Amino acid sequence: MPLNIEIIGSLAAGDQIALKRHSIVRMRQRRISADEVKEALLSCRLIEDYPTDRPLPSGLVLGYTANDRVIHVVVAIDEDEPMLWVITVYEPTIDEWEEGFDRRRTV
C-alpha cells in the first residue's frame, strides 16, 4: 500500500519528524535546512513508492520550500511511534528528472 500523503503532512505539521544520520549528512552537504525539509513535507506529493523497503516501507516525495526551492525527500512512516523518518534529501536536477521533477528521465 502506498504511503499516505495525509499522514506525511500531519506528522510533519506536528513536528513528528526524525532525521536519519544519512539525511543529516546529505542536508549539510547540500545546504538544505531542517526548516526547508519540513516546508517541503507540508506541501509534498508522492512520486515514487518503495513498499518493499526495510525496516519500513518508504517513498519519494516532491515538495517545495517557502522560497519555491524544489526538494525530493525519501521518507518512511513508523505507525507504531508515530514518526516520519527522513532517509535522504536532495534537490532534483533536470539531467535526471523530467520537467516538473516528478518523473525520472528514461535513458
PDB file of N, CA and C in Angstrom:
ATOM      1  N   MET A   1       0.842  -1.181   0.000  1.00  0.00           N
ATOM      2  CA  MET A   1       0.000   0.000   0.000  1.00  0.00           C
ATOM      3  C   MET A   1       0.888   1.247   0.000  1.00  0.00           C
ATOM      4  N   PRO A   2       0.611   2.213  -0.876  1.00  0.00           N
ATOM      5  CA  PRO A   2       1.440   3.420  -0.938  1.00  0.00           C
ATOM      6  C   PRO A   2       1.390   4.221   0.368  1.00  0.00           C
ATOM      7  N   LEU A   3       2.433   4.995   0.578  1.00  0.00           N
ATOM      8  CA  LEU A   3       2.440   5.881   1.738  1.00  0.00           C
ATOM      9  C   LEU A   3       1.268   6.844   1.642  1.00  0.00           C
ATOM     10  N   ASN A   4       0.717   7.181   2.781  1.00  0.00           N
ATOM     11  CA  ASN A   4      -0.429   8.082   2.841  1.00  0.00           C
ATOM     12  C   ASN A   4       0.074   9.516   2.969  1.00  0.00           C
ATOM     13  N   ILE A   5      -0.198  10.318   1.959  1.00  0.00           N
ATOM     14  CA  ILE A   5       0.302  11.691   1.916  1.00  0.00           C
ATOM     15  C   ILE A   5      -0.302  12.544   3.026  1.00  0.00           C
ATOM     16  N   GLU A   6      -1.538  12.240   3.420  1.00  0.00           N
ATOM     17  CA  GLU A   6      -2.173  12.986   4.516  1.00  0.00           C
ATOM     18  C   GLU A   6      -1.452  12.719   5.836  1.00  0.00           C
ATOM     19  N   ILE A   7      -1.032  11.471   6.039  1.00  0.00           N
ATOM     20  CA  ILE A   7      -0.291  11.138   7.263  1.00  0.00           C
ATOM     21  C   ILE A   7       1.064  11.831   7.254  1.00  0.00           C
ATOM     22  N   ILE A   8       1.717  11.863   6.098  1.00  0.00           N
ATOM     23  CA  ILE A   8       3.004  12.564   5.996  1.00  0.00           C
ATOM     24  C   ILE A   8       2.832  14.023   6.397  1.00  0.00           C
ATOM     25  N   GLY A   9       1.833  14.692   5.845  1.00  0.00           N
ATOM     26  CA  GLY A   9       1.581  16.093   6.171  1.00  0.00           C
ATOM     27  C   GLY A   9       1.236  16.300   7.629  1.00  0.00           C
ATOM     28  N   SER A  10       0.439  15.405   8.182  1.00  0.00           N
ATOM     29  CA  SER A  10       0.037  15.514   9.585  1.00  0.00           C
ATOM     30  C   SER A  10       1.227  15.337  10.523  1.00  0.00           C
ATOM     31  N   LEU A  11       2.064  14.349  10.250  1.00  0.00           N
ATOM     32  CA  LEU A  11       3.250  14.136  11.086  1.00  0.00           C
ATOM     33  C   LEU A  11       4.215  15.312  10.969  1.00  0.00           C
ATOM     34  N   ALA A  12       4.390  15.830   9.758  1.00  0.00           N
ATOM     35  CA  ALA A  12       5.274  16.987   9.566  1.00  0.00           C
ATOM     36  C   ALA A  12       4.732  18.206  10.300  1.00  0.00           C
ATOM     37  N   ALA A  13       3.433  18.437  10.199  1.00  0.00           N
ATOM     38  CA  ALA A  13       2.820  19.588  10.873  1.00  0.00           C
ATOM     39  C   ALA A  13       2.942  19.476  12.384  1.00  0.00           C
ATOM     40  N   GLY A  14       2.947  18.258  12.891  1.00  0.00           N
ATOM     41  CA  GLY A  14       3.065  18.035  14.331  1.00  0.00           C
ATOM     42  C   GLY A  14       4.492  17.884  14.810  1.00  0.00           C
ATOM     43  N   ASP A  15       5.455  18.217  13.950  1.00  0.00           N
ATOM     44  CA  ASP A  15       6.884  18.096  14.272  1.00  0.00           C
ATOM     45  C   ASP A  15       7.271  16.687  14.693  1.00  0.00           C
ATOM     46  N   GLN A  16       6.593  15.710  14.147  1.00  0.00           N
ATOM     47  CA  GLN A  16       6.934  14.313  14.417  1.00  0.00           C
ATOM     48  C   GLN A  16       7.820  13.804  13.282  1.00  0.00           C
ATOM     49  N   ILE A  17       8.972  14.455  13.158  1.00  0.00           N
ATOM     50  CA  ILE A  17       9.932  14.174  12.095  1.00  0.00           C
ATOM     51  C   ILE A  17      11.246  13.760  12.742  1.00  0.00           C
ATOM     52  N   ALA A  18      11.788  12.634  12.289  1.00  0.00           N
ATOM     53  CA  ALA A  18      13.094  12.172  12.754  1.00  0.00           C
ATOM     54  C   ALA A  18      14.026  12.088  11.552  1.00  0.00           C
ATOM     55  N   LEU A  19      15.217  12.620  11.707  1.00  0.00           N
ATOM     56  CA  LEU A  19      16.197  12.624  10.626  1.00  0.00           C
ATOM     57  C   LEU A  19      17.194  11.491  10.825  1.00  0.00           C
ATOM     58  N   LYS A  20      17.295  10.611   9.842  1.00  0.00           N
ATOM     59  CA  LYS A  20      18.320   9.571   9.881  1.00  0.00           C
ATOM     60  C   LYS A  20      19.679  10.259   9.739  1.00  0.00           C
ATOM     61  N   ARG A  21      20.706   9.620  10.272  1.00  0.00           N
ATOM     62  CA  ARG A  21      22.055  10.192  10.219  1.00  0.00           C
ATOM     63  C   ARG A  21      22.445  10.526   8.770  1.00  0.00           C
ATOM     64  N   HIS A  22      22.146   9.623   7.850  1.00  0.00           N
ATOM     65  CA  HIS A  22      22.467   9.851   6.436  1.00  0.00           C
ATOM     66  C   HIS A  22      21.821  11.140   5.923  1.00  0.00           C
ATOM     67  N   SER A  23      20.575  11.374   6.304  1.00  0.00           N
ATOM     68  CA  SER A  23      19.890  12.582   5.821  1.00  0.00           C
ATOM     69  C   SER A  23      20.539  13.845   6.378  1.00  0.00           C
ATOM     70  N   ILE A  24      20.994  13.793   7.609  1.00  0.00           N
ATOM     71  CA  ILE A  24      21.664  14.956   8.211  1.00  0.00           C
ATOM     72  C   ILE A  24      22.948  15.279   7.449  1.00  0.00           C
ATOM     73  N   VAL A  25      23.722  14.236   7.139  1.00  0.00           N
ATOM     74  CA  VAL A  25      24.958  14.427   6.372  1.00  0.00           C
ATOM     75  C   VAL A  25      24.645  15.036   5.010  1.00  0.00           C
ATOM     76  N   ARG A  26      23.660  14.477   4.322  1.00  0.00           N
ATOM     77  CA  ARG A  26      23.299  14.981   2.991  1.00  0.00           C
ATOM     78  C   ARG A  26      22.743  16.404   3.051  1.00  0.00           C
ATOM     79  N   MET A  27      21.964  16.707   4.062  1.00  0.00           N
ATOM     80  CA  MET A  27      21.427  18.062   4.201  1.00  0.00           C
ATOM     81  C   MET A  27      22.558  19.071   4.368  1.00  0.00           C
ATOM     82  N   ARG A  28      23.550  18.730   5.166  1.00  0.00           N
ATOM     83  CA  ARG A  28      24.695  19.633   5.339  1.00  0.00           C
ATOM     84  C   ARG A  28      25.441  19.815   4.025  1.00  0.00           C
ATOM     85  N   GLN A  29      25.712  18.697   3.336  1.00  0.00           N
ATOM     86  CA  GLN A  29      26.440  18.760   2.070  1.00  0.00           C
ATOM     87  C   GLN A  29      25.694  19.591   1.034  1.00  0.00           C
ATOM     88  N   ARG A  30      24.387  19.496   1.045  1.00  0.00           N
ATOM     89  CA  ARG A  30      23.563  20.129   0.016  1.00  0.00           C
ATOM     90  C   ARG A  30      22.949  21.452   0.459  1.00  0.00           C
ATOM     91  N   ARG A  31      23.327  21.876   1.659  1.00  0.00           N
ATOM     92  CA  ARG A  31      22.843  23.145   2.219  1.00  0.00           C
ATOM     93  C   ARG A  31      21.316  23.239   2.208  1.00  0.00           C
ATOM     94  N   ILE A  32      20.708  22.173   2.724  1.00  0.00           N
ATOM     95  CA  ILE A  32      19.255  22.124   2.875  1.00  0.00           C
ATOM     96  C   ILE A  32      18.968  22.109   4.368  1.00  0.00           C
ATOM     97  N   SER A  33      18.204  23.067   4.840  1.00  0.00           N
ATOM     98  CA  SER A  33      17.938  23.174   6.276  1.00  0.00           C
ATOM     99  C   SER A  33      16.783  22.268   6.698  1.00  0.00           C
ATOM    100  N   ALA A  34      16.711  22.011   7.992  1.00  0.00           N
ATOM    101  CA  ALA A  34      15.603  21.226   8.547  1.00  0.00           C
ATOM    102  C   ALA A  34      14.274  21.940   8.314  1.00  0.00           C
ATOM    103  N   ASP A  35      14.281  23.265   8.399  1.00  0.00           N
ATOM    104  CA  ASP A  35      13.056  24.028   8.128  1.00  0.00           C
ATOM    105  C   ASP A  35      12.594  23.833   6.685  1.00  0.00           C
ATOM    106  N   GLU A  36      13.550  23.811   5.749  1.00  0.00           N
ATOM    107  CA  GLU A  36      13.187  23.604   4.348  1.00  0.00           C
ATOM    108  C   GLU A  36      12.617  22.206   4.125  1.00  0.00           C
ATOM    109  N   VAL A  37      13.173  21.224   4.807  1.00  0.00           N
ATOM    110  CA  VAL A  37      12.647  19.862   4.696  1.00  0.00           C
ATOM    111  C   VAL A  37      11.207  19.830   5.193  1.00  0.00           C
ATOM    112  N   LYS A  38      10.957  20.455   6.337  1.00  0.00           N
ATOM    113  CA  LYS A  38       9.594  20.480   6.871  1.00  0.00           C
ATOM    114  C   LYS A  38       8.648  21.196   5.910  1.00  0.00           C
ATOM    115  N   GLU A  39       9.073  22.333   5.378  1.00  0.00           N
ATOM    116  CA  GLU A  39       8.240  23.072   4.419  1.00  0.00           C
ATOM    117  C   GLU A  39       7.896  22.189   3.217  1.00  0.00           C
ATOM    118  N   ALA A  40       8.890  21.467   2.713  1.00  0.00           N
ATOM    119  CA  ALA A  40       8.661  20.586   1.567  1.00  0.00           C
ATOM    120  C   ALA A  40       7.691  19.464   1.926  1.00  0.00           C
ATOM    121  N   LEU A  41       7.809  18.923   3.126  1.00  0.00           N
ATOM    122  CA  LEU A  41       6.922  17.834   3.549  1.00  0.00           C
ATOM    123  C   LEU A  41       5.488  18.310   3.738  1.00  0.00           C
ATOM    124  N   LEU A  42       5.321  19.559   4.103  1.00  0.00           N
ATOM    125  CA  LEU A  42       3.969  20.096   4.292  1.00  0.00           C
ATOM    126  C   LEU A  42       3.244  20.307   2.968  1.00  0.00           C
ATOM    127  N   SER A  43       4.002  20.394   1.883  1.00  0.00           N
ATOM    128  CA  SER A  43       3.388  20.657   0.572  1.00  0.00           C
ATOM    129  C   SER A  43       3.690  19.549  -0.433  1.00  0.00           C
ATOM    130  N   CYS A  44       3.993  18.366   0.046  1.00  0.00           N
ATOM    131  CA  CYS A  44       4.531  17.331  -0.838  1.00  0.00           C
ATOM    132  C   CYS A  44       3.469  16.481  -1.520  1.00  0.00           C
ATOM    133  N   ARG A  45       3.964  15.774  -2.530  1.00  0.00           N
ATOM    134  CA  ARG A  45       3.152  14.726  -3.156  1.00  0.00           C
ATOM    135  C   ARG A  45       4.062  13.528  -3.425  1.00  0.00           C
ATOM    136  N   LEU A  46       3.493  12.349  -3.345  1.00  0.00           N
ATOM    137  CA  LEU A  46       4.232  11.104  -3.532  1.00  0.00           C
ATOM    138  C   LEU A  46       4.497  10.889  -5.015  1.00  0.00           C
ATOM    139  N   ILE A  47       5.783  10.674  -5.371  1.00  0.00           N
ATOM    140  CA  ILE A  47       6.097  10.436  -6.778  1.00  0.00           C
ATOM    141  C   ILE A  47       6.653   9.035  -7.022  1.00  0.00           C
ATOM    142  N   GLU A  48       7.191   8.391  -6.000  1.00  0.00           N
ATOM    143  CA  GLU A  48       7.637   7.004  -6.115  1.00  0.00           C
ATOM    144  C   GLU A  48       7.360   6.309  -4.792  1.00  0.00           C
ATOM    145  N   ASP A  49       6.968   5.038  -4.888  1.00  0.00           N
ATOM    146  CA  ASP A  49       6.641   4.254  -3.702  1.00  0.00           C
ATOM    147  C   ASP A  49       7.581   3.052  -3.644  1.00  0.00           C
ATOM    148  N   TYR A  50       8.142   2.795  -2.463  1.00  0.00           N
ATOM    149  CA  TYR A  50       9.059   1.673  -2.269  1.00  0.00           C
ATOM    150  C   TYR A  50       8.501   0.761  -1.169  1.00  0.00           C
ATOM    151  N   PRO A  51       7.458  -0.008  -1.474  1.00  0.00           N
ATOM    152  CA  PRO A  51       6.765  -0.784  -0.444  1.00  0.00           C
ATOM    153  C   PRO A  51       7.573  -1.932   0.151  1.00  0.00           C
ATOM    154  N   THR A  52       8.636  -2.368  -0.525  1.00  0.00           N
ATOM    155  CA  THR A  52       9.425  -3.488  -0.009  1.00  0.00           C
ATOM    156  C   THR A  52      10.653  -3.035   0.777  1.00  0.00           C
ATOM    157  N   ASP A  53      10.858  -1.731   0.911  1.00  0.00           N
ATOM    158  CA  ASP A  53      11.993  -1.240   1.708  1.00  0.00           C
ATOM    159  C   ASP A  53      11.874  -1.724   3.144  1.00  0.00           C
ATOM    160  N   ARG A  54      13.008  -1.958   3.751  1.00  0.00           N
ATOM    161  CA  ARG A  54      13.066  -2.387   5.147  1.00  0.00           C
ATOM    162  C   ARG A  54      14.008  -1.482   5.909  1.00  0.00           C
ATOM    163  N   PRO A  55      13.773  -1.194   7.150  1.00  0.00           N
ATOM    164  CA  PRO A  55      12.794  -1.828   8.032  1.00  0.00           C
ATOM    165  C   PRO A  55      11.370  -1.315   7.855  1.00  0.00           C
ATOM    166  N   LEU A  56      11.199  -0.209   7.127  1.00  0.00           N
ATOM    167  CA  LEU A  56       9.861   0.348   6.906  1.00  0.00           C
ATOM    168  C   LEU A  56       9.675   0.643   5.424  1.00  0.00           C
ATOM    169  N   PRO A  57       8.474   0.443   4.891  1.00  0.00           N
ATOM    170  CA  PRO A  57       8.218   0.876   3.520  1.00  0.00           C
ATOM    171  C   PRO A  57       8.478   2.379   3.411  1.00  0.00           C
ATOM    172  N   SER A  58       8.976   2.802   2.267  1.00  0.00           N
ATOM    173  CA  SER A  58       9.297   4.222   2.111  1.00  0.00           C
ATOM    174  C   SER A  58       8.783   4.729   0.769  1.00  0.00           C
ATOM    175  N   GLY A  59       8.997   6.006   0.551  1.00  0.00           N
ATOM    176  CA  GLY A  59       8.589   6.610  -0.702  1.00  0.00           C
ATOM    177  C   GLY A  59       9.331   7.908  -0.932  1.00  0.00           C
ATOM    178  N   LEU A  60       9.342   8.319  -2.176  1.00  0.00           N
ATOM    179  CA  LEU A  60       9.970   9.574  -2.569  1.00  0.00           C
ATOM    180  C   LEU A  60       8.883  10.612  -2.765  1.00  0.00           C
ATOM    181  N   VAL A  61       9.035  11.730  -2.071  1.00  0.00           N
ATOM    182  CA  VAL A  61       8.061  12.806  -2.214  1.00  0.00           C
ATOM    183  C   VAL A  61       8.734  14.037  -2.808  1.00  0.00           C
ATOM    184  N   LEU A  62       7.932  14.813  -3.504  1.00  0.00           N
ATOM    185  CA  LEU A  62       8.355  16.073  -4.102  1.00  0.00           C
ATOM    186  C   LEU A  62       7.642  17.185  -3.358  1.00  0.00           C
ATOM    187  N   GLY A  63       8.419  18.148  -2.869  1.00  0.00           N
ATOM    188  CA  GLY A  63       7.816  19.271  -2.169  1.00  0.00           C
ATOM    189  C   GLY A  63       8.550  20.559  -2.474  1.00  0.00           C
ATOM    190  N   TYR A  64       7.969  21.652  -2.014  1.00  0.00           N
ATOM    191  CA  TYR A  64       8.525  22.984  -2.259  1.00  0.00           C
ATOM    192  C   TYR A  64       8.706  23.710  -0.937  1.00  0.00           C
ATOM    193  N   THR A  65       9.796  24.459  -0.852  1.00  0.00           N
ATOM    194  CA  THR A  65      10.026  25.278   0.327  1.00  0.00           C
ATOM    195  C   THR A  65       9.250  26.587   0.183  1.00  0.00           C
ATOM    196  N   ALA A  66       9.293  27.402   1.223  1.00  0.00           N
ATOM    197  CA  ALA A  66       8.621  28.708   1.187  1.00  0.00           C
ATOM    198  C   ALA A  66       9.191  29.590   0.075  1.00  0.00           C
ATOM    199  N   ASN A  67      10.453  29.338  -0.307  1.00  0.00           N
ATOM    200  CA  ASN A  67      11.094  30.105  -1.381  1.00  0.00           C
ATOM    201  C   ASN A  67      11.013  29.387  -2.725  1.00  0.00           C
ATOM    202  N   ASP A  68      10.104  28.418  -2.837  1.00  0.00           N
ATOM    203  CA  ASP A  68       9.891  27.644  -4.071  1.00  0.00           C
ATOM    204  C   ASP A  68      11.097  26.819  -4.499  1.00  0.00           C
ATOM    205  N   ARG A  69      11.919  26.437  -3.551  1.00  0.00           N
ATOM    206  CA  ARG A  69      13.014  25.512  -3.832  1.00  0.00           C
ATOM    207  C   ARG A  69      12.415  24.108  -3.934  1.00  0.00           C
ATOM    208  N   VAL A  70      12.731  23.397  -5.003  1.00  0.00           N
ATOM    209  CA  VAL A  70      12.217  22.041  -5.206  1.00  0.00           C
ATOM    210  C   VAL A  70      13.102  21.064  -4.441  1.00  0.00           C
ATOM    211  N   ILE A  71      12.467  20.220  -3.637  1.00  0.00           N
ATOM    212  CA  ILE A  71      13.216  19.250  -2.842  1.00  0.00           C
ATOM    213  C   ILE A  71      12.555  17.881  -2.956  1.00  0.00           C
ATOM    214  N   HIS A  72      13.394  16.859  -3.119  1.00  0.00           N
ATOM    215  CA  HIS A  72      12.952  15.475  -3.027  1.00  0.00           C
ATOM    216  C   HIS A  72      13.360  14.945  -1.656  1.00  0.00           C
ATOM    217  N   VAL A  73      12.447  14.228  -1.022  1.00  0.00           N
ATOM    218  CA  VAL A  73      12.711  13.645   0.293  1.00  0.00           C
ATOM    219  C   VAL A  73      12.255  12.193   0.262  1.00  0.00           C
ATOM    220  N   VAL A  74      13.144  11.285   0.652  1.00  0.00           N
ATOM    221  CA  VAL A  74      12.740   9.895   0.835  1.00  0.00           C
ATOM    222  C   VAL A  74      12.334   9.758   2.295  1.00  0.00           C
ATOM    223  N   VAL A  75      11.096   9.302   2.502  1.00  0.00           N
ATOM    224  CA  VAL A  75      10.541   9.206   3.854  1.00  0.00           C
ATOM    225  C   VAL A  75       9.964   7.821   4.105  1.00  0.00           C
ATOM    226  N   ALA A  76       9.862   7.492   5.381  1.00  0.00           N
ATOM    227  CA  ALA A  76       9.187   6.276   5.829  1.00  0.00           C
ATOM    228  C   ALA A  76       8.346   6.649   7.039  1.00  0.00           C
ATOM    229  N   ILE A  77       7.220   5.973   7.189  1.00  0.00           N
ATOM    230  CA  ILE A  77       6.330   6.234   8.319  1.00  0.00           C
ATOM    231  C   ILE A  77       6.379   5.053   9.271  1.00  0.00           C
ATOM    232  N   ASP A  78       6.703   5.347  10.525  1.00  0.00           N
ATOM    233  CA  ASP A  78       6.617   4.340  11.583  1.00  0.00           C
ATOM    234  C   ASP A  78       5.298   4.575  12.298  1.00  0.00           C
ATOM    235  N   GLU A  79       4.324   3.755  12.000  1.00  0.00           N
ATOM    236  CA  GLU A  79       2.991   3.948  12.573  1.00  0.00           C
ATOM    237  C   GLU A  79       2.929   3.558  14.038  1.00  0.00           C
ATOM    238  N   ASP A  80       3.896   2.768  14.526  1.00  0.00           N
ATOM    239  CA  ASP A  80       3.907   2.374  15.935  1.00  0.00           C
ATOM    240  C   ASP A  80       4.320   3.524  16.841  1.00  0.00           C
ATOM    241  N   GLU A  81       5.132   4.444  16.320  1.00  0.00           N
ATOM    242  CA  GLU A  81       5.668   5.522  17.161  1.00  0.00           C
ATOM    243  C   GLU A  81       4.662   6.623  17.475  1.00  0.00           C
ATOM    244  N   PRO A  82       3.973   7.331  16.621  1.00  0.00           N
ATOM    245  CA  PRO A  82       4.134   7.543  15.180  1.00  0.00           C
ATOM    246  C   PRO A  82       5.235   8.561  14.882  1.00  0.00           C
ATOM    247  N   MET A  83       5.953   8.309  13.779  1.00  0.00           N
ATOM    248  CA  MET A  83       7.088   9.152  13.425  1.00  0.00           C
ATOM    249  C   MET A  83       7.294   9.114  11.915  1.00  0.00           C
ATOM    250  N   LEU A  84       7.667  10.266  11.366  1.00  0.00           N
ATOM    251  CA  LEU A  84       8.026  10.367   9.958  1.00  0.00           C
ATOM    252  C   LEU A  84       9.549  10.384   9.876  1.00  0.00           C
ATOM    253  N   TRP A  85      10.123   9.340   9.301  1.00  0.00           N
ATOM    254  CA  TRP A  85      11.571   9.234   9.177  1.00  0.00           C
ATOM    255  C   TRP A  85      12.023   9.813   7.845  1.00  0.00           C
ATOM    256  N   VAL A  86      12.969  10.736   7.909  1.00  0.00           N
ATOM    257  CA  VAL A  86      13.573  11.307   6.703  1.00  0.00           C
ATOM    258  C   VAL A  86      14.852  10.524   6.440  1.00  0.00           C
ATOM    259  N   ILE A  87      14.887   9.844   5.300  1.00  0.00           N
ATOM    260  CA  ILE A  87      16.001   8.962   4.973  1.00  0.00           C
ATOM    261  C   ILE A  87      17.078   9.697   4.189  1.00  0.00           C
ATOM    262  N   THR A  88      16.672  10.474   3.199  1.00  0.00           N
ATOM    263  CA  THR A  88      17.617  11.313   2.464  1.00  0.00           C
ATOM    264  C   THR A  88      16.868  12.483   1.837  1.00  0.00           C
ATOM    265  N   VAL A  89      17.621  13.501   1.467  1.00  0.00           N
ATOM    266  CA  VAL A  89      17.063  14.748   0.937  1.00  0.00           C
ATOM    267  C   VAL A  89      17.995  15.267  -0.155  1.00  0.00           C
ATOM    268  N   TYR A  90      17.405  15.740  -1.246  1.00  0.00           N
ATOM    269  CA  TYR A  90      18.232  16.339  -2.299  1.00  0.00           C
ATOM    270  C   TYR A  90      17.392  17.236  -3.192  1.00  0.00           C
ATOM    271  N   GLU A  91      18.095  18.076  -3.954  1.00  0.00           N
ATOM    272  CA  GLU A  91      17.450  18.890  -4.985  1.00  0.00           C
ATOM    273  C   GLU A  91      17.535  18.114  -6.291  1.00  0.00           C
ATOM    274  N   PRO A  92      16.402  17.819  -6.915  1.00  0.00           N
ATOM    275  CA  PRO A  92      16.452  17.091  -8.185  1.00  0.00           C
ATOM    276  C   PRO A  92      17.045  17.969  -9.283  1.00  0.00           C
ATOM    277  N   THR A  93      17.672  17.316 -10.257  1.00  0.00           N
ATOM    278  CA  THR A  93      18.257  18.047 -11.388  1.00  0.00           C
ATOM    279  C   THR A  93      17.524  17.684 -12.673  1.00  0.00           C
ATOM    280  N   ILE A  94      17.538  18.590 -13.603  1.00  0.00           N
ATOM    281  CA  ILE A  94      16.886  18.383 -14.892  1.00  0.00           C
ATOM    282  C   ILE A  94      17.596  17.286 -15.689  1.00  0.00           C
ATOM    283  N   ASP A  95      18.850  16.987 -15.346  1.00  0.00           N
ATOM    284  CA  ASP A  95      19.575  15.906 -16.017  1.00  0.00           C
ATOM    285  C   ASP A  95      18.961  14.544 -15.716  1.00  0.00           C
ATOM    286  N   GLU A  96      18.423  14.384 -14.515  1.00  0.00           N
ATOM    287  CA  GLU A  96      17.875  13.090 -14.093  1.00  0.00           C
ATOM    288  C   GLU A  96      16.354  13.039 -14.078  1.00  0.00           C
ATOM    289  N   TRP A  97      15.716  14.209 -14.076  1.00  0.00           N
ATOM    290  CA  TRP A  97      14.262  14.273 -13.917  1.00  0.00           C
ATOM    291  C   TRP A  97      13.620  15.063 -15.045  1.00  0.00           C
ATOM    292  N   GLU A  98      12.409  14.653 -15.413  1.00  0.00           N
ATOM    293  CA  GLU A  98      11.617  15.383 -16.402  1.00  0.00           C
ATOM    294  C   GLU A  98      11.227  16.745 -15.824  1.00  0.00           C
ATOM    295  N   GLU A  99      10.774  17.642 -16.681  1.00  0.00           N
ATOM    296  CA  GLU A  99      10.289  18.941 -16.217  1.00  0.00           C
ATOM    297  C   GLU A  99       9.186  18.705 -15.185  1.00  0.00           C
ATOM    298  N   GLY A 100       9.242  19.439 -14.099  1.00  0.00           N
ATOM    299  CA  GLY A 100       8.302  19.231 -13.001  1.00  0.00           C
ATOM    300  C   GLY A 100       8.891  18.355 -11.910  1.00  0.00           C
ATOM    301  N   PHE A 101       9.986  17.675 -12.223  1.00  0.00           N
ATOM    302  CA  PHE A 101      10.746  16.859 -11.272  1.00  0.00           C
ATOM    303  C   PHE A 101       9.936  15.732 -10.632  1.00  0.00           C
ATOM    304  N   ASP A 102       8.896  15.261 -11.341  1.00  0.00           N
ATOM    305  CA  ASP A 102       8.078  14.195 -10.758  1.00  0.00           C
ATOM    306  C   ASP A 102       8.195  12.861 -11.500  1.00  0.00           C
ATOM    307  N   ARG A 103       9.013  12.828 -12.564  1.00  0.00           N
ATOM    308  CA  ARG A 103       9.263  11.578 -13.292  1.00  0.00           C
ATOM    309  C   ARG A 103      10.730  11.514 -13.689  1.00  0.00           C
ATOM    310  N   ARG A 104      11.334  10.340 -13.452  1.00  0.00           N
ATOM    311  CA  ARG A 104      12.729  10.147 -13.852  1.00  0.00           C
ATOM    312  C   ARG A 104      12.837  10.131 -15.372  1.00  0.00           C
ATOM    313  N   ARG A 105      13.947  10.676 -15.853  1.00  0.00           N
ATOM    314  CA  ARG A 105      14.214  10.605 -17.288  1.00  0.00           C
ATOM    315  C   ARG A 105      14.548   9.157 -17.640  1.00  0.00           C
ATOM    316  N   THR A 106      14.117   8.728 -18.799  1.00  0.00           N
ATOM    317  CA  THR A 106      14.471   7.396 -19.275  1.00  0.00           C
ATOM    318  C   THR A 106      15.667   7.506 -20.199  1.00  0.00           C
ATOM    319  N   VAL A 107      16.479   6.493 -20.174  1.00  0.00           N
ATOM    320  CA  VAL A 107      17.718   6.505 -20.971  1.00  0.00           C
ATOM    321  C   VAL A 107      17.441   6.139 -22.398  1.00  0.00           C
TER     322      VAL A 107
END
